[in-house]
Amino acid sequence: MTTTNKTLKNNKNNHQDEAMKLLQEVNKKLDYIIKLLREEEYKYPYHNSYIETFENNDPKNL
């Protein structure tokens, strides 16, 4: 039984390569978004509590 090669090949017609490239690009962008969200949380550590308090005290929810 042979295993499939999961490394990228230099073949323009290979859809697997394109899918792997897209997944790698999405992964990099997702990591960047997570990094930004963490930095935001470090800058304003209590802003989530403030938002929850504001939403709970909203007259529409009463």
N, C-alpha and C. Protein backbone atom coordinates (compact mmCIF):
# COMPACT_ATOMS: atom_id res chain seq x y z
N MET A 1 0.85 -1.18 0.00
CA MET A 1 0.00 0.00 0.00
C MET A 1 0.89 1.23 0.00
N THR A 2 0.62 2.17 -0.87
CA THR A 2 1.42 3.39 -0.93
C THR A 2 0.70 4.53 -0.25
N THR A 3 1.46 5.45 0.28
CA THR A 3 0.86 6.63 0.92
C THR A 3 0.97 7.80 -0.04
N THR A 4 0.05 8.72 0.09
CA THR A 4 0.10 9.90 -0.76
C THR A 4 1.11 10.88 -0.22
N ASN A 5 1.77 11.56 -1.11
CA ASN A 5 2.76 12.56 -0.73
C ASN A 5 2.04 13.86 -0.40
N LYS A 6 2.21 14.37 0.81
CA LYS A 6 1.52 15.58 1.23
C LYS A 6 2.35 16.84 1.00
N THR A 7 3.50 16.72 0.39
CA THR A 7 4.31 17.89 0.08
C THR A 7 3.84 18.50 -1.22
N LEU A 8 4.11 19.78 -1.38
CA LEU A 8 3.70 20.47 -2.59
C LEU A 8 4.57 20.05 -3.77
N LYS A 9 3.94 19.85 -4.91
CA LYS A 9 4.65 19.48 -6.12
C LYS A 9 4.62 20.66 -7.08
N ASN A 10 5.54 20.70 -8.00
CA ASN A 10 5.61 21.78 -8.97
C ASN A 10 4.80 21.43 -10.21
N ASN A 11 3.52 21.21 -10.04
CA ASN A 11 2.65 20.85 -11.15
C ASN A 11 1.48 21.83 -11.14
N LYS A 12 1.32 22.59 -12.22
CA LYS A 12 0.28 23.61 -12.26
C LYS A 12 -1.12 23.00 -12.32
N ASN A 13 -1.23 21.78 -12.76
CA ASN A 13 -2.54 21.15 -12.91
C ASN A 13 -2.97 20.38 -11.67
N ASN A 14 -2.16 20.39 -10.66
CA ASN A 14 -2.47 19.62 -9.46
C ASN A 14 -3.34 20.45 -8.52
N HIS A 15 -4.59 20.06 -8.36
CA HIS A 15 -5.53 20.79 -7.50
C HIS A 15 -5.18 20.65 -6.02
N GLN A 16 -4.53 19.56 -5.68
CA GLN A 16 -4.13 19.36 -4.30
C GLN A 16 -3.12 20.43 -3.88
N ASP A 17 -2.22 20.77 -4.78
CA ASP A 17 -1.23 21.81 -4.47
C ASP A 17 -1.91 23.15 -4.23
N GLU A 18 -2.86 23.49 -5.07
CA GLU A 18 -3.58 24.75 -4.90
C GLU A 18 -4.34 24.78 -3.59
N ALA A 19 -4.96 23.65 -3.24
CA ALA A 19 -5.69 23.57 -1.98
C ALA A 19 -4.74 23.72 -0.80
N MET A 20 -3.59 23.09 -0.87
CA MET A 20 -2.61 23.21 0.22
C MET A 20 -2.12 24.65 0.35
N LYS A 21 -1.88 25.32 -0.78
CA LYS A 21 -1.45 26.72 -0.74
C LYS A 21 -2.51 27.60 -0.11
N LEU A 22 -3.78 27.37 -0.49
CA LEU A 22 -4.87 28.15 0.09
C LEU A 22 -5.00 27.91 1.58
N LEU A 23 -4.89 26.65 1.99
CA LEU A 23 -4.98 26.34 3.41
C LEU A 23 -3.84 26.98 4.20
N GLN A 24 -2.65 26.98 3.63
CA GLN A 24 -1.51 27.61 4.31
C GLN A 24 -1.73 29.12 4.42
N GLU A 25 -2.27 29.73 3.37
CA GLU A 25 -2.53 31.17 3.40
C GLU A 25 -3.61 31.50 4.43
N VAL A 26 -4.66 30.71 4.47
CA VAL A 26 -5.72 30.92 5.45
C VAL A 26 -5.18 30.74 6.86
N ASN A 27 -4.32 29.76 7.04
CA ASN A 27 -3.74 29.51 8.36
C ASN A 27 -2.91 30.70 8.83
N LYS A 28 -2.12 31.28 7.93
CA LYS A 28 -1.31 32.45 8.28
C LYS A 28 -2.20 33.63 8.65
N LYS A 29 -3.26 33.84 7.88
CA LYS A 29 -4.14 34.96 8.16
C LYS A 29 -4.90 34.76 9.47
N LEU A 30 -5.30 33.53 9.73
CA LEU A 30 -5.99 33.23 10.98
C LEU A 30 -5.07 33.45 12.18
N ASP A 31 -3.82 33.03 12.05
CA ASP A 31 -2.85 33.27 13.12
C ASP A 31 -2.67 34.76 13.37
N TYR A 32 -2.65 35.55 12.30
CA TYR A 32 -2.51 37.00 12.44
C TYR A 32 -3.72 37.61 13.15
N ILE A 33 -4.92 37.15 12.81
CA ILE A 33 -6.14 37.65 13.45
C ILE A 33 -6.14 37.29 14.93
N ILE A 34 -5.75 36.08 15.25
CA ILE A 34 -5.68 35.65 16.65
C ILE A 34 -4.67 36.50 17.42
N LYS A 35 -3.54 36.79 16.78
CA LYS A 35 -2.52 37.64 17.40
C LYS A 35 -3.08 39.03 17.69
N LEU A 36 -3.80 39.60 16.73
CA LEU A 36 -4.38 40.93 16.93
C LEU A 36 -5.41 40.92 18.05
N LEU A 37 -6.23 39.89 18.11
CA LEU A 37 -7.24 39.80 19.17
C LEU A 37 -6.59 39.67 20.54
N ARG A 38 -5.52 38.92 20.63
CA ARG A 38 -4.82 38.79 21.91
C ARG A 38 -4.20 40.12 22.33
N GLU A 39 -3.60 40.83 21.37
CA GLU A 39 -3.03 42.14 21.70
C GLU A 39 -4.11 43.10 22.17
N GLU A 40 -5.27 43.04 21.55
CA GLU A 40 -6.39 43.90 21.96
C GLU A 40 -6.83 43.55 23.38
N GLU A 41 -6.84 42.27 23.68
CA GLU A 41 -7.23 41.83 25.03
C GLU A 41 -6.19 42.29 26.06
N TYR A 42 -4.92 42.30 25.69
CA TYR A 42 -3.89 42.77 26.61
C TYR A 42 -3.99 44.27 26.84
N LYS A 43 -4.37 45.03 25.80
CA LYS A 43 -4.50 46.48 25.95
C LYS A 43 -5.69 46.84 26.82
N TYR A 44 -6.79 46.15 26.63
CA TYR A 44 -8.05 46.46 27.34
C TYR A 44 -8.56 45.18 27.99
N PRO A 45 -7.96 44.75 29.09
CA PRO A 45 -8.30 43.44 29.65
C PRO A 45 -9.73 43.32 30.17
N TYR A 46 -10.39 44.43 30.46
CA TYR A 46 -11.74 44.34 31.03
C TYR A 46 -12.82 44.76 30.05
N HIS A 47 -12.49 44.95 28.79
CA HIS A 47 -13.50 45.44 27.87
C HIS A 47 -14.59 44.41 27.63
N ASN A 48 -14.29 43.12 27.73
CA ASN A 48 -15.34 42.10 27.57
C ASN A 48 -16.35 42.19 28.71
N SER A 49 -15.87 42.42 29.91
CA SER A 49 -16.78 42.58 31.05
C SER A 49 -17.66 43.81 30.87
N TYR A 50 -17.07 44.88 30.36
CA TYR A 50 -17.83 46.11 30.12
C TYR A 50 -18.92 45.86 29.09
N ILE A 51 -18.57 45.19 28.01
CA ILE A 51 -19.56 44.91 26.96
C ILE A 51 -20.69 44.04 27.51
N GLU A 52 -20.35 43.02 28.28
CA GLU A 52 -21.37 42.15 28.86
C GLU A 52 -22.28 42.92 29.81
N THR A 53 -21.70 43.80 30.60
CA THR A 53 -22.49 44.62 31.52
C THR A 53 -23.42 45.54 30.75
N PHE A 54 -22.91 46.15 29.71
CA PHE A 54 -23.70 47.05 28.89
C PHE A 54 -24.85 46.29 28.23
N GLU A 55 -24.59 45.11 27.72
CA GLU A 55 -25.64 44.32 27.07
C GLU A 55 -26.69 43.86 28.08
N ASN A 56 -26.27 43.52 29.28
CA ASN A 56 -27.22 43.06 30.30
C ASN A 56 -28.09 44.19 30.82
N ASN A 57 -27.59 45.42 30.79
CA ASN A 57 -28.35 46.57 31.28
C ASN A 57 -29.12 47.29 30.17
N ASP A 58 -29.10 46.73 28.99
CA ASP A 58 -29.78 47.32 27.85
C ASP A 58 -31.30 47.23 28.09
N PRO A 59 -32.05 48.36 27.95
CA PRO A 59 -33.49 48.35 28.20
C PRO A 59 -34.26 47.38 27.29
N LYS A 60 -33.72 47.05 26.13
CA LYS A 60 -34.40 46.11 25.23
C LYS A 60 -34.48 44.73 25.83
N ASN A 61 -33.49 44.38 26.69
CA ASN A 61 -33.46 43.04 27.26
C ASN A 61 -34.35 42.92 28.49
N LEU A 62 -34.90 44.01 28.97
CA LEU A 62 -35.74 43.96 30.18
C LEU A 62 -37.15 43.53 29.87
